[in-house]
Structure formats: structure tokens, C-alpha cells
Amino acid sequence: MSQPLTDDPDLALVRACQAQESVCLEGAFRELYEAYKDRVYNTCYRITGSATDAMDAAQETFATAFRRIDGFRFESRFSSWIYRVAVNASIDLRRRSASRPWVSLDRLRSPLNEGTPMDPEDERVESPGGAASRRELEGDIQEAITRLSPKMKAITVLRYMEGLSYEEISESLEISLGTVKSRLSRAHGALDRELTPVLDRHLLN
């Protein structure tokens, strides 16, 4: 059995949750939620491709964390564990809804409507045409990611959207470094095939 980690920055908060007779949604758990809610939602959004599904998966992630935190033994970092739960919740949700076609609600919004979670804060300085073109490109990229297999999708999101290192991905997904590199390589090839005609089209416009 591996030794518990003692350098986890979230150790004190997790221990505080575990010290309570019954975990509550306030106090230490609320601090963990506030620290990870955006990262969890963004991970779920990139994997599911839908704001609605991402919200459901994020809620399931924190519900799972709430139920299981008492048994957390620091065999990995809490951050790695919460990413793992978020990835699994997102993949499970997509599998359950595989019978229905994938249509992101965000893609149905007009450029004049409220922005999506992918919008940068400085979009207001762009020209309307530039903003619309960027949104279209972001949507095409998101669709390309969504069409990856669940395993390649998860590893792509953690690496390029969340900025995790190979070691952190290995810990989060409980796979070897070799598997991380192999899956990323396959994901690169798949995205190259998907995005080359998309990028060519946007460059010509």
C-alpha cells in the first residue's frame, strides 16, 4: 500500500472535513468547492461539449466528493482525485446520452446573445465580424475534441485546457506516463485530421 502524501496543499482542508462528525456543505468543504468549482466545470465542459451537461457532471463530481471525502487517504493529491472524478462523471454522462445526437446548446446561441464559458473577457474590444469568426472557430475546435474517444478526450482536456503536466495526468487518471504520451500522440493525430480542413477554411475567409 502506498504511503499517504504529506505535501498536498489541500491536506489541511480535507483533514478538516474528515474531522467533522458529519461532512457539511459549509466550512472546509465549501473552501474546497470554491477552489475547484471553475476548474471542474471547465473540464466537464470541454469533455461533454455542452454547458448543460457540464453543469450536471460538475454537480455529480462534487456530490461524489462530498460522499467519499471521509475515505480519502491521500494516495494521490486531492486535485488529481477531483479531476479523476470530473473526467469519469463527464464520460459517464456522455455514454448515458449516447443515443441522442450531440448538440451543444452553446453553439445555438447567436453572437448577440450572452457569451459562453469559452469567451475571453476582452471580447468587447473585437469587431463583430472578428468575434463571430473566433466563436465559429472555437466551436469547430470544441466539436473536434468532442469527437475524440473518451480516453483521448480526457487526456487532451487535462493537458491543453487545464495545463496539467504528464505526471499530474498520470496521477489523475491512474495510468502510466507511457500511456499518457501514447494517448496524447494518438489524440494529436486525430485532431490534425479533424482540424486541418477547418483551419484552412478559416484562413481563406
Protein backbone atom coordinates (compact mmCIF):
# COMPACT_ATOMS: atom_id res chain seq x y z
CA MET A 1 0.00 0.00 0.00
CA SER A 2 1.41 3.40 -0.98
CA GLN A 3 2.31 5.93 1.69
CA PRO A 4 -0.07 8.90 2.12
CA LEU A 5 1.15 12.15 0.60
CA THR A 6 2.07 14.84 3.11
CA ASP A 7 2.79 17.71 0.71
CA ASP A 8 -0.73 18.07 -0.71
CA PRO A 9 -1.71 21.77 -0.45
CA ASP A 10 -5.29 20.69 0.25
CA LEU A 11 -4.34 18.35 3.09
CA ALA A 12 -5.49 20.66 5.90
CA LEU A 13 -8.91 21.28 4.33
CA VAL A 14 -9.51 17.60 3.61
CA ARG A 15 -8.43 16.67 7.14
CA ALA A 16 -10.83 19.30 8.49
CA CYS A 17 -13.68 17.70 6.54
CA GLN A 18 -12.72 14.27 7.82
CA ALA A 19 -12.54 15.50 11.40
CA GLN A 20 -16.19 16.52 11.40
CA GLU A 21 -18.69 14.04 12.75
CA SER A 22 -20.63 14.51 9.52
CA VAL A 23 -19.40 16.42 6.50
CA CYS A 24 -21.40 19.58 5.85
CA LEU A 25 -21.55 21.80 2.78
CA GLU A 26 -20.07 24.76 4.62
CA GLY A 27 -16.69 25.34 6.23
CA ALA A 28 -13.78 23.32 4.87
CA PHE A 29 -15.79 21.57 2.14
CA ARG A 30 -17.09 24.94 0.92
CA GLU A 31 -13.48 26.14 0.63
CA LEU A 32 -12.56 23.11 -1.46
CA TYR A 33 -15.62 23.68 -3.63
CA GLU A 34 -14.75 27.35 -4.20
CA ALA A 35 -11.15 26.43 -5.04
CA TYR A 36 -12.08 23.80 -7.65
CA LYS A 37 -15.53 24.65 -8.98
CA ASP A 38 -14.29 26.57 -12.05
CA ARG A 39 -11.63 24.02 -12.95
CA VAL A 40 -14.07 21.15 -12.54
CA TYR A 41 -16.74 22.88 -14.62
CA ASN A 42 -14.25 23.74 -17.39
CA THR A 43 -13.03 20.15 -17.52
CA CYS A 44 -16.59 18.84 -17.70
CA TYR A 45 -17.50 21.42 -20.35
CA ARG A 46 -14.60 20.52 -22.61
CA ILE A 47 -15.36 16.81 -22.37
CA THR A 48 -19.14 16.99 -22.75
CA GLY A 49 -19.23 19.94 -25.16
CA SER A 50 -22.39 21.27 -23.56
CA ALA A 51 -22.96 23.80 -20.79
CA THR A 52 -25.99 21.87 -19.55
CA ASP A 53 -24.17 18.53 -19.45
CA ALA A 54 -21.11 20.18 -17.90
CA MET A 55 -23.22 21.56 -15.07
CA ASP A 56 -24.73 18.12 -14.45
CA ALA A 57 -21.32 16.44 -14.49
CA ALA A 58 -19.81 19.10 -12.21
CA GLN A 59 -22.65 18.67 -9.74
CA GLU A 60 -22.14 14.91 -9.79
CA THR A 61 -18.41 15.45 -9.23
CA PHE A 62 -18.92 17.45 -6.06
CA ALA A 63 -21.70 15.16 -4.87
CA THR A 64 -19.28 12.24 -5.21
CA ALA A 65 -16.54 14.21 -3.43
CA PHE A 66 -18.97 15.04 -0.63
CA ARG A 67 -19.94 11.39 -0.18
CA ARG A 68 -16.42 9.98 -0.38
CA ILE A 69 -14.12 12.58 1.15
CA ASP A 70 -14.18 10.84 4.52
CA GLY A 71 -12.45 7.86 2.92
CA PHE A 72 -9.82 9.89 1.04
CA ARG A 73 -6.37 8.61 2.06
CA PHE A 74 -4.00 10.92 0.13
CA GLU A 75 -2.65 8.14 -2.05
CA SER A 76 -2.86 10.87 -4.72
CA ARG A 77 -3.30 14.61 -4.39
CA PHE A 78 -6.81 15.84 -3.80
CA SER A 79 -6.57 17.88 -7.03
CA SER A 80 -5.74 14.73 -9.00
CA TRP A 81 -8.62 12.90 -7.38
CA ILE A 82 -11.19 15.63 -8.11
CA TYR A 83 -10.05 15.78 -11.76
CA ARG A 84 -10.42 12.00 -11.98
CA VAL A 85 -13.93 12.17 -10.58
CA ALA A 86 -14.82 15.01 -13.00
CA VAL A 87 -13.48 13.11 -16.02
CA ASN A 88 -15.35 9.95 -15.07
CA ALA A 89 -18.58 11.86 -14.39
CA SER A 90 -18.33 13.58 -17.78
CA ILE A 91 -17.59 10.39 -19.68
CA ASP A 92 -20.38 8.52 -17.90
CA LEU A 93 -22.84 11.28 -18.72
CA ARG A 94 -21.86 11.25 -22.41
CA ARG A 95 -22.23 7.46 -22.52
CA ARG A 96 -25.67 7.63 -20.95
CA SER A 97 -26.76 10.19 -23.53
CA ALA A 98 -25.04 8.49 -26.50
CA SER A 99 -28.41 7.64 -28.02
CA ARG A 100 -29.18 11.29 -28.61
CA PRO A 101 -27.21 13.43 -31.10
CA TRP A 102 -24.60 15.78 -29.69
CA VAL A 103 -25.77 19.35 -29.97
CA SER A 104 -24.11 21.92 -27.76
CA LEU A 105 -26.59 24.47 -26.51
CA ASP A 106 -23.76 26.99 -26.68
CA ARG A 107 -23.48 26.59 -30.45
CA LEU A 108 -27.15 27.55 -30.83
CA ARG A 109 -26.60 30.97 -29.29
CA SER A 110 -26.41 33.99 -31.52
CA PRO A 111 -23.23 36.08 -31.32
CA LEU A 112 -25.51 38.84 -30.00
CA ASN A 113 -26.66 36.72 -27.06
CA GLU A 114 -24.93 36.00 -23.78
CA GLY A 115 -21.40 34.58 -24.12
CA THR A 116 -20.35 31.01 -23.48
CA PRO A 117 -17.81 29.78 -20.91
CA MET A 118 -15.19 29.87 -23.65
CA ASP A 119 -15.45 33.63 -24.17
CA PRO A 120 -12.41 35.72 -23.12
CA GLU A 121 -13.12 38.78 -21.02
CA ASP A 122 -11.74 41.15 -23.63
CA GLU A 123 -14.11 40.08 -26.40
CA ARG A 124 -15.76 43.52 -26.23
CA VAL A 125 -12.74 45.07 -28.00
CA GLU A 126 -13.13 42.80 -31.04
CA SER A 127 -15.01 43.78 -34.14
CA PRO A 128 -18.36 41.98 -34.54
CA GLY A 129 -17.00 40.07 -37.53
CA GLY A 130 -13.84 39.07 -35.69
CA ALA A 131 -15.78 37.91 -32.63
CA ALA A 132 -18.17 35.86 -34.76
CA SER A 133 -15.29 34.25 -36.66
CA ARG A 134 -13.48 33.41 -33.44
CA ARG A 135 -16.62 31.90 -31.93
CA GLU A 136 -17.11 29.76 -35.01
CA LEU A 137 -13.51 28.54 -34.87
CA GLU A 138 -13.76 27.80 -31.14
CA GLY A 139 -16.96 25.87 -31.78
CA ASP A 140 -15.29 23.82 -34.52
CA ILE A 141 -12.34 23.05 -32.24
CA GLN A 142 -14.68 22.06 -29.41
CA GLU A 143 -16.61 19.75 -31.76
CA ALA A 144 -13.35 18.16 -32.91
CA ILE A 145 -12.37 17.48 -29.30
CA THR A 146 -15.82 16.08 -28.56
CA ARG A 147 -15.46 13.57 -31.40
CA LEU A 148 -12.35 12.07 -29.84
CA SER A 149 -12.72 8.81 -27.95
CA PRO A 150 -13.49 9.34 -24.24
CA LYS A 151 -9.94 8.39 -23.18
CA MET A 152 -8.23 10.66 -25.71
CA LYS A 153 -10.70 13.46 -24.99
CA ALA A 154 -10.00 13.37 -21.26
CA ILE A 155 -6.24 13.42 -21.71
CA THR A 156 -6.42 16.28 -24.24
CA VAL A 157 -8.56 18.40 -21.93
CA LEU A 158 -6.33 17.84 -18.91
CA ARG A 159 -3.16 18.58 -20.85
CA TYR A 160 -4.12 21.52 -23.03
CA MET A 161 -7.17 23.06 -21.37
CA GLU A 162 -6.21 22.57 -17.73
CA GLY A 163 -2.44 22.67 -18.21
CA LEU A 164 -1.61 19.54 -16.22
CA SER A 165 1.84 18.00 -16.58
CA TYR A 166 2.30 14.44 -17.82
CA GLU A 167 2.95 13.38 -14.22
CA GLU A 168 -0.24 15.06 -12.97
CA ILE A 169 -2.28 13.45 -15.75
CA SER A 170 -0.76 10.08 -14.90
CA GLU A 171 -1.77 10.55 -11.27
CA SER A 172 -5.24 11.90 -12.08
CA LEU A 173 -6.18 9.11 -14.49
CA GLU A 174 -4.17 6.40 -12.74
CA ILE A 175 -2.27 5.43 -15.89
CA SER A 176 1.43 5.20 -16.67
CA LEU A 177 3.47 8.02 -18.19
CA GLY A 178 3.94 5.89 -21.29
CA THR A 179 0.18 5.58 -21.68
CA VAL A 180 -0.23 9.35 -21.22
CA LYS A 181 2.25 10.04 -24.02
CA SER A 182 0.78 7.36 -26.28
CA ARG A 183 -2.79 8.64 -25.91
CA LEU A 184 -1.69 12.25 -26.45
CA SER A 185 0.13 11.22 -29.61
CA ARG A 186 -2.99 9.49 -30.95
CA ALA A 187 -5.10 12.49 -29.97
CA HIS A 188 -2.74 14.80 -31.87
CA GLY A 189 -3.13 12.71 -35.00
CA ALA A 190 -6.91 12.63 -34.73
CA LEU A 191 -7.13 16.38 -34.13
CA ASP A 192 -4.78 17.10 -37.02
CA ARG A 193 -7.09 15.21 -39.36
CA GLU A 194 -10.18 16.95 -37.98
CA LEU A 195 -8.83 20.49 -37.79
CA THR A 196 -6.66 20.85 -40.91
CA PRO A 197 -9.64 21.50 -43.25
CA VAL A 198 -11.28 23.68 -40.58
CA LEU A 199 -8.21 25.89 -40.18
CA ASP A 200 -7.73 26.06 -43.96
CA ARG A 201 -11.32 27.28 -44.32
CA HIS A 202 -10.91 29.97 -41.69
CA LEU A 203 -7.61 31.19 -43.16
CA LEU A 204 -9.24 31.60 -46.56
CA ASN A 205 -12.14 33.64 -45.17
